[in-house]
Protein backbone atom coordinates (compact mmCIF):
# COMPACT_ATOMS: atom_id res chain seq x y z
CA MET A 1 -32.98 -23.33 36.44
CA LYS A 2 -29.24 -23.40 35.52
CA TYR A 3 -29.49 -19.96 33.88
CA LEU A 4 -31.36 -18.50 36.86
CA ILE A 5 -28.64 -19.63 39.29
CA THR A 6 -25.94 -18.22 36.98
CA LEU A 7 -27.80 -14.90 36.74
CA VAL A 8 -28.22 -14.67 40.55
CA ALA A 9 -24.52 -15.48 41.05
CA LEU A 10 -23.53 -12.85 38.50
CA GLN A 11 -25.70 -10.26 40.26
CA LEU A 12 -24.15 -11.12 43.64
CA VAL A 13 -20.61 -10.76 42.29
CA THR A 14 -21.47 -7.46 40.59
CA ALA A 15 -23.26 -6.12 43.66
CA SER A 16 -20.46 -7.13 46.03
CA SER A 17 -17.72 -5.33 44.10
CA PRO A 18 -18.87 -1.87 43.06
CA THR A 19 -16.29 0.16 41.20
CA LYS A 20 -15.13 3.62 42.08
CA GLN A 21 -13.69 6.10 39.66
CA PHE A 22 -10.64 8.22 40.44
CA ASN A 23 -9.73 11.10 38.11
CA LEU A 24 -6.19 12.40 38.42
CA THR A 25 -4.93 15.56 36.73
CA VAL A 26 -1.24 16.43 36.66
CA ASN A 27 -0.50 20.06 35.70
CA ILE A 28 3.01 21.28 34.96
CA LEU A 29 4.01 24.40 36.90
CA PRO A 30 3.47 27.22 34.34
CA ALA A 31 6.94 28.74 34.91
CA LEU A 32 8.55 25.41 33.94
CA ARG A 33 6.30 24.30 31.05
CA GLU A 34 8.73 25.42 28.37
CA ILE A 35 11.71 23.73 30.04
CA MET A 36 9.86 20.49 30.90
CA LYS A 37 7.93 19.95 27.66
CA THR A 38 10.58 17.62 26.20
CA GLN A 39 11.82 16.01 29.40
CA PRO A 40 10.56 12.64 30.63
CA ILE A 41 8.55 12.52 33.83
CA SER A 42 8.28 9.30 35.82
CA ILE A 43 4.78 8.63 37.19
CA GLU A 44 3.94 5.82 39.58
CA VAL A 45 0.36 5.26 40.71
CA SER A 46 -0.52 2.36 42.99
CA SER A 47 -3.31 1.06 45.19
CA SER A 48 -4.53 -2.30 46.49
CA ASP A 49 -6.12 -2.87 43.04
CA PHE A 50 -3.22 -2.08 40.71
CA SER A 51 0.21 -0.59 40.17
CA LEU A 52 1.21 1.58 37.21
CA LYS A 53 4.68 2.91 36.46
CA SER A 54 5.41 4.91 33.33
CA SER A 55 7.63 7.57 31.87
CA VAL A 56 5.76 10.28 29.98
CA THR A 57 6.27 13.73 28.52
CA ILE A 58 3.69 16.29 29.65
CA ILE A 59 3.42 19.54 27.72
CA ASP A 60 0.69 21.22 29.78
CA SER A 61 -1.35 18.66 31.72
CA LEU A 62 -2.13 14.96 31.87
CA LYS A 63 -5.50 13.45 32.76
CA LEU A 64 -5.75 9.86 34.01
CA ILE A 65 -8.91 7.93 34.95
CA PHE A 66 -8.79 4.78 37.10
CA GLU A 67 -11.58 2.28 37.80
CA LEU A 68 -11.09 0.87 41.31
CA LYS A 69 -12.75 -2.09 43.04
CA ASN A 70 -11.35 -2.30 46.56
CA ALA A 71 -8.94 0.60 46.90
CA GLN A 72 -9.51 3.19 49.59
CA THR A 73 -6.32 5.14 48.91
CA ILE A 74 -4.09 5.77 45.92
CA LEU A 75 -0.39 6.59 46.19
CA VAL A 76 0.96 8.91 43.49
CA ARG A 77 4.68 9.50 42.98
CA ILE A 78 6.10 11.80 40.32
CA GLY A 79 9.75 12.57 39.63
CA SER A 80 11.75 14.28 36.92
CA PRO A 81 15.25 15.60 36.36
CA VAL A 82 15.03 19.02 34.74
CA LYS A 83 17.88 20.27 32.57
CA TYR A 84 18.20 24.04 32.33
CA SER A 85 19.62 26.03 29.41
CA ASP A 86 22.96 26.44 31.26
CA SER A 87 23.28 22.60 31.39
CA SER A 88 22.66 22.47 35.14
CA GLU A 89 20.16 19.92 36.39
CA ARG A 90 17.68 19.71 39.25
CA TYR A 91 15.53 16.78 40.32
CA PHE A 92 11.89 17.41 41.27
CA TYR A 93 9.85 14.90 43.27
CA PHE A 94 6.25 14.64 44.47
CA ALA A 95 4.49 11.97 46.54
CA ASP A 96 1.04 11.97 48.13
CA ASN A 97 -1.84 9.70 49.07
CA PHE A 98 -5.37 10.36 47.84
CA THR A 99 -8.32 8.95 49.80
CA ILE A 100 -11.31 7.57 47.90
CA ASN A 101 -14.46 8.12 49.99
CA SER A 102 -17.22 7.97 47.38
CA SER A 103 -17.99 6.34 44.05
CA SER A 104 -16.19 9.15 42.23
CA ALA A 105 -13.18 11.11 43.43
CA SER A 106 -10.60 13.35 41.85
CA GLY A 107 -7.16 14.70 42.56
CA SER A 108 -5.17 17.49 41.01
CA ILE A 109 -1.41 17.92 41.25
CA THR A 110 0.76 20.84 40.19
CA PHE A 111 4.21 19.47 39.44
CA PRO A 112 6.61 20.59 40.68
CA LYS A 113 5.07 22.30 43.69
CA ASP A 114 4.41 26.01 43.14
CA CYS A 115 6.91 28.02 45.19
CA GLU A 116 9.48 30.76 44.48
CA ILE A 117 12.42 28.33 44.42
CA ASN A 118 10.73 26.10 41.82
CA ARG A 119 9.65 29.03 39.63
CA TYR A 120 13.27 30.13 39.16
CA THR A 121 14.39 29.03 35.69
CA GLY A 122 17.99 30.33 35.71
CA GLY A 123 19.54 27.00 36.65
CA LYS A 124 22.93 27.44 38.36
CA THR A 125 23.16 31.19 37.59
CA CYS A 126 22.75 33.31 40.73
CA PRO A 127 19.60 35.47 40.48
CA LYS A 128 21.33 38.35 42.32
CA CYS A 129 24.83 38.69 40.78
CA LYS A 130 24.01 36.74 37.56
CA ARG A 131 27.24 34.70 37.92
CA ARG A 132 27.93 30.97 38.01
CA TYR A 133 31.53 31.07 39.19
CA ASP A 134 30.84 31.29 42.95
CA VAL A 135 27.81 28.97 42.88
CA ILE A 136 28.08 25.56 44.57
CA PRO A 137 25.52 22.77 45.04
CA ILE A 138 23.62 22.41 48.31
CA PHE A 139 24.11 18.97 49.87
CA TYR A 140 21.21 17.52 51.91
CA GLY A 141 21.58 14.64 54.32
CA LEU A 142 24.33 13.33 56.53
CA PRO A 143 27.67 13.73 54.74
CA ALA A 144 29.57 10.50 54.19
CA PRO A 145 33.16 10.44 55.49
CA ASP A 146 34.43 9.90 51.94
CA LEU A 147 32.43 12.80 50.46
CA PRO A 148 34.83 14.65 48.15
CA GLY A 149 35.37 18.35 48.68
CA GLN A 150 35.18 20.79 51.57
CA PRO A 151 31.94 22.08 53.10
CA GLY A 152 31.42 25.75 52.24
CA ILE A 153 33.97 25.57 49.43
CA ASP A 154 32.86 22.73 47.16
CA PHE A 155 29.32 22.29 48.51
CA GLU A 156 27.00 23.93 51.03
CA PRO A 157 25.78 21.55 53.77
CA ALA A 158 22.06 21.67 54.58
CA GLY A 159 19.58 19.77 56.72
CA CYS A 160 18.84 16.06 56.66
CA PHE A 161 15.43 16.33 55.05
CA ARG A 162 14.58 18.00 51.77
CA SER A 163 11.15 19.33 50.91
CA SER A 164 9.86 19.93 47.39
CA CYS A 165 10.68 23.65 47.69
CA ASP A 166 14.22 23.57 49.04
CA PRO A 167 16.99 25.28 47.04
CA SER A 168 19.62 23.36 45.06
CA TRP A 169 22.32 26.04 44.71
CA TYR A 170 24.25 28.43 46.98
CA CYS A 171 26.05 31.58 45.82
CA LYS A 172 29.15 32.15 48.02
CA LYS A 173 29.53 35.76 46.84
CA ASP A 174 25.97 36.77 47.82
CA SER A 175 25.33 34.17 50.57
CA LEU A 176 22.15 33.30 48.70
CA GLN A 177 20.37 29.96 48.40
CA PHE A 178 18.30 29.45 45.27
């Protein structure tokens, strides 16, 4: 009788918490694969079941499989500073929620987002005049009163919010954002 009760209890626990599988694939944007293959990428994946934070190097793609019990959504955050051959640096960021509706779900991310700005691999060098001398960083957000430099001379002011495809540099000679 003791074994029968244990078996019934085990079946109830197993039946009440079915697992779901979530398959996540992270693909590096093809134009940046060569540049990013040795640079660390921070990945954070979290849900009501777990939280995972890691720094990895992805050459082409990364496949992750998660077994979930209660989670209905998964939050994925990815970030990486990318150093170009001219020693300039740009930070890429991605964040999104994935909804789990069935017993098996999948998500695929191209990192960074595929757009013309992100495909440019020239770093701080202007794509039009091929110079770095007149290139200044683009500053996003509300400037602090103690921000060093003059707008339009030392930095180019931009909007308050930055998307994953906004430019990082401004060429004063060509009036070009890239």
